[in-house]
Protein backbone atom coordinates (compact mmCIF):
# COMPACT_ATOMS: atom_id res chain seq x y z
CA UNK A 1 59.59 -8.66 -19.08
CA UNK A 2 57.48 -11.51 -18.07
CA UNK A 3 60.00 -13.95 -19.25
CA UNK A 4 62.83 -12.24 -17.37
CA UNK A 5 60.85 -11.85 -14.33
CA UNK A 6 59.92 -15.82 -14.36
CA UNK A 7 63.98 -16.10 -14.64
CA UNK A 8 64.64 -14.02 -11.66
CA UNK A 9 61.67 -14.10 -9.04
CA UNK A 10 63.96 -13.08 -6.31
CA UNK A 11 64.52 -9.57 -7.46
CA UNK A 12 62.10 -8.50 -9.96
CA UNK A 13 58.13 -8.21 -9.06
CA UNK A 14 56.53 -7.75 -12.57
CA UNK A 15 53.72 -5.09 -12.95
CA UNK A 16 51.75 -4.86 -16.00
CA UNK A 17 49.37 -2.17 -17.46
CA UNK A 18 46.25 -2.68 -19.88
CA UNK A 19 44.50 0.45 -21.07
CA UNK A 20 41.39 0.37 -18.95
CA UNK A 21 39.08 1.23 -21.87
CA UNK A 22 39.47 -1.94 -22.88
CA UNK A 23 36.78 -3.05 -20.34
CA UNK A 24 35.79 -6.91 -20.37
CA UNK A 25 38.79 -7.60 -22.95
CA UNK A 26 41.49 -5.75 -20.84
CA UNK A 27 40.27 -8.01 -17.86
CA UNK A 28 40.63 -11.16 -20.00
CA UNK A 29 44.12 -9.45 -20.59
CA UNK A 30 44.87 -9.39 -17.09
CA UNK A 31 43.81 -12.51 -15.93
CA UNK A 32 45.86 -14.32 -18.56
CA UNK A 33 49.43 -12.03 -17.44
CA UNK A 34 48.44 -12.95 -13.83
CA UNK A 35 47.51 -16.43 -14.42
CA UNK A 36 50.02 -17.72 -16.95
CA UNK A 37 52.88 -15.10 -16.63
CA UNK A 38 53.06 -14.26 -12.69
CA UNK A 39 52.59 -10.85 -12.59
CA UNK A 40 51.76 -8.87 -9.54
CA UNK A 41 49.87 -5.39 -10.09
CA UNK A 42 49.10 -3.17 -12.21
CA UNK A 43 49.97 0.45 -13.47
CA UNK A 44 47.21 2.96 -14.61
CA UNK A 45 48.05 6.01 -15.75
CA UNK A 46 45.01 8.29 -16.38
CA UNK A 47 46.28 11.36 -17.73
CA UNK A 48 47.78 9.59 -20.26
CA UNK A 49 45.03 7.08 -21.26
CA UNK A 50 42.11 9.47 -20.79
CA UNK A 51 40.18 7.90 -18.59
CA UNK A 52 39.08 8.61 -15.05
CA UNK A 53 40.20 6.16 -12.57
CA UNK A 54 36.43 5.68 -11.48
CA UNK A 55 35.01 5.52 -14.61
CA UNK A 56 33.10 2.15 -14.99
CA UNK A 57 34.53 0.85 -18.05
CA UNK A 58 37.51 -0.16 -15.96
CA UNK A 59 35.57 -2.17 -12.95
CA UNK A 60 36.07 -5.56 -14.80
CA UNK A 61 39.97 -4.95 -14.98
CA UNK A 62 39.50 -3.85 -10.93
CA UNK A 63 37.70 -6.97 -10.73
CA UNK A 64 40.07 -9.04 -11.63
CA UNK A 65 43.00 -7.74 -9.61
CA UNK A 66 40.76 -7.52 -6.41
CA UNK A 67 39.91 -11.35 -6.80
CA UNK A 68 43.85 -12.42 -7.19
CA UNK A 69 44.69 -9.71 -4.07
CA UNK A 70 46.73 -7.80 -6.41
CA UNK A 71 47.25 -4.12 -6.36
CA UNK A 72 46.25 -1.36 -8.37
CA UNK A 73 48.71 1.61 -8.87
CA UNK A 74 47.18 4.92 -10.12
CA UNK A 75 49.70 7.65 -11.71
CA UNK A 76 48.31 11.02 -9.58
CA UNK A 77 49.22 14.59 -9.94
CA UNK A 78 51.43 16.32 -12.23
CA UNK A 79 52.86 13.99 -15.11
CA UNK A 80 56.52 14.34 -16.29
CA UNK A 81 55.18 13.16 -19.47
CA UNK A 82 54.66 16.63 -21.62
CA UNK A 83 55.84 19.09 -19.23
CA UNK A 84 57.51 21.72 -20.73
CA UNK A 85 55.42 21.18 -23.96
CA UNK A 86 52.88 23.35 -26.11
CA UNK A 87 49.85 22.40 -24.49
CA UNK A 88 51.85 20.07 -22.15
CA UNK A 89 52.24 17.85 -24.72
CA UNK A 90 48.18 16.89 -24.88
CA UNK A 91 48.27 15.84 -21.21
CA UNK A 92 45.40 16.62 -19.58
CA UNK A 93 46.23 16.64 -15.62
CA UNK A 94 42.34 17.01 -14.54
CA UNK A 95 42.52 12.58 -14.78
CA UNK A 96 45.12 12.44 -12.22
CA UNK A 97 43.35 14.10 -9.41
CA UNK A 98 43.87 11.09 -6.78
CA UNK A 99 39.89 12.14 -5.39
CA UNK A 100 38.90 9.81 -8.67
CA UNK A 101 40.57 6.98 -6.94
CA UNK A 102 38.77 7.42 -3.86
CA UNK A 103 35.70 6.22 -5.84
CA UNK A 104 37.58 3.08 -6.75
CA UNK A 105 38.43 2.12 -3.13
CA UNK A 106 34.70 2.71 -2.10
CA UNK A 107 33.33 0.35 -5.00
CA UNK A 108 36.18 -2.10 -4.46
CA UNK A 109 37.11 -2.14 -0.56
CA UNK A 110 39.06 -5.49 -1.19
CA UNK A 111 41.30 -3.84 -4.15
CA UNK A 112 44.66 -2.66 -2.78
CA UNK A 113 45.59 0.58 -4.40
CA UNK A 114 48.58 2.56 -4.70
CA UNK A 115 48.61 6.56 -5.42
CA UNK A 116 51.67 6.76 -7.04
CA UNK A 117 54.12 9.90 -6.93
CA UNK A 118 53.57 12.87 -4.59
CA UNK A 119 50.07 14.15 -5.86
CA UNK A 120 50.99 17.68 -6.43
CA UNK A 121 48.88 19.99 -6.60
CA UNK A 122 47.02 17.80 -4.90
CA UNK A 123 48.73 16.35 -1.97
CA UNK A 124 46.02 17.01 0.71
CA UNK A 125 43.53 15.25 -1.35
CA UNK A 126 46.09 11.85 -1.43
CA UNK A 127 46.89 12.06 1.96
CA UNK A 128 42.97 11.96 2.86
CA UNK A 129 42.06 9.28 0.61
CA UNK A 130 44.96 7.29 2.02
CA UNK A 131 44.09 8.20 5.72
CA UNK A 132 40.00 7.54 4.87
CA UNK A 133 40.34 4.31 2.92
CA UNK A 134 42.40 1.26 4.72
CA UNK A 135 43.35 -0.23 1.67
CA UNK A 136 45.07 2.58 0.10
CA UNK A 137 49.06 3.24 -0.10
CA UNK A 138 50.89 6.23 -1.12
CA UNK A 139 54.10 5.76 -3.05
CA UNK A 140 56.94 8.55 -3.35
CA UNK A 141 58.06 7.94 -7.06
CA UNK A 142 58.93 10.44 -9.73
CA UNK A 143 59.84 13.00 -7.53
CA UNK A 144 63.27 13.95 -5.53
CA UNK A 145 62.63 14.19 -1.62
CA UNK A 146 64.05 17.41 -1.05
CA UNK A 147 60.88 18.58 -3.18
CA UNK A 148 58.07 17.06 -1.17
CA UNK A 149 55.71 19.26 0.71
CA UNK A 150 55.98 19.39 4.29
CA UNK A 151 52.81 18.09 5.02
CA UNK A 152 53.90 14.73 3.25
CA UNK A 153 56.67 14.55 5.37
CA UNK A 154 54.81 15.15 8.01
CA UNK A 155 52.21 12.29 7.54
CA UNK A 156 54.98 9.98 6.39
CA UNK A 157 56.12 10.16 9.86
CA UNK A 158 53.18 9.59 11.71
CA UNK A 159 49.68 8.73 10.64
CA UNK A 160 50.98 7.22 7.36
CA UNK A 161 54.01 5.92 8.47
CA UNK A 162 52.69 2.08 7.34
CA UNK A 163 51.04 3.36 4.28
CA UNK A 164 53.99 5.19 2.44
CA UNK A 165 56.12 3.54 -0.31
CA UNK A 166 59.72 3.97 -1.87
CA UNK A 167 59.95 4.60 -5.26
CA UNK A 168 62.44 6.36 -7.57
CA UNK A 169 60.91 6.01 -10.82
CA UNK A 170 64.11 4.70 -12.31
CA UNK A 171 65.22 5.63 -15.04
CA UNK A 172 63.76 9.07 -14.99
CA UNK A 173 65.62 9.26 -11.25
CA UNK A 174 68.19 6.97 -10.07
CA UNK A 175 67.85 5.23 -6.58
CA UNK A 176 71.07 6.80 -5.53
CA UNK A 177 70.04 10.12 -6.20
CA UNK A 178 66.87 9.13 -4.49
CA UNK A 179 68.21 7.64 -1.52
CA UNK A 180 70.84 10.75 -1.07
CA UNK A 181 68.19 13.12 -0.93
CA UNK A 182 65.87 10.97 1.06
CA UNK A 183 68.74 10.77 3.64
CA UNK A 184 68.41 14.52 4.41
CA UNK A 185 64.51 14.43 5.12
CA UNK A 186 63.79 14.88 8.65
CA UNK A 187 62.10 10.95 8.94
CA UNK A 188 62.12 9.05 12.36
CA UNK A 189 64.85 6.51 12.50
CA UNK A 190 62.29 3.96 13.17
CA UNK A 191 59.68 5.00 10.26
CA UNK A 192 62.69 4.53 7.29
CA UNK A 193 62.36 0.83 7.16
CA UNK A 194 58.97 0.89 7.00
CA UNK A 195 59.07 3.29 4.34
CA UNK A 196 62.11 1.56 2.47
CA UNK A 197 60.79 -1.94 2.63
CA UNK A 198 58.61 -3.20 5.44
CA UNK A 199 55.44 -1.41 3.95
CA UNK A 200 56.02 -2.85 0.61
CA UNK A 201 56.64 -6.06 1.73
CA UNK A 202 53.36 -6.48 3.47
CA UNK A 203 51.41 -4.95 0.70
CA UNK A 204 52.82 -7.16 -1.80
CA UNK A 205 52.99 -10.17 0.68
CA UNK A 206 56.66 -10.99 -0.07
């Protein structure tokens, strides 16, 4: 992925992942991926990795990201992984409550943070964190827009219009399907370009 991204920097912005429990060793890996291979952010999946975002074991990794001005993206809310399986395939949803990310935002005020996906069943909490913490954004990937809760649409149109980001979660959902459903949402014309491009461009310093 790193080599492909380096060959096509005009269309690929690479994000990596390192298990937060690796702590200082993970920070060393993150630094190498950033400085040698040009990765532009990191994704964490608390429910799969079974580490709360505010566990201090992950702090050395966050320090590296903050130092380089790169975003940390955290899966929040319901997980498609394990859905419908006995015991949810062993996935514990509790790790992905966005309130755990609120602590990260407090302890690392220079760290850019993205709350990935509509955070069902904790949408109100995610909105509150993004409203309260200047450096926290919400992305809309992983859910068809036709299932977005009304409160998310309301805040995306108003107080969070500069902090909500497009995302499809391809290949789980194609961009074409996501866009078709998004077109049917009551999003203000002046807000649509912010969500679809401008907010992400500012976050990623494009």
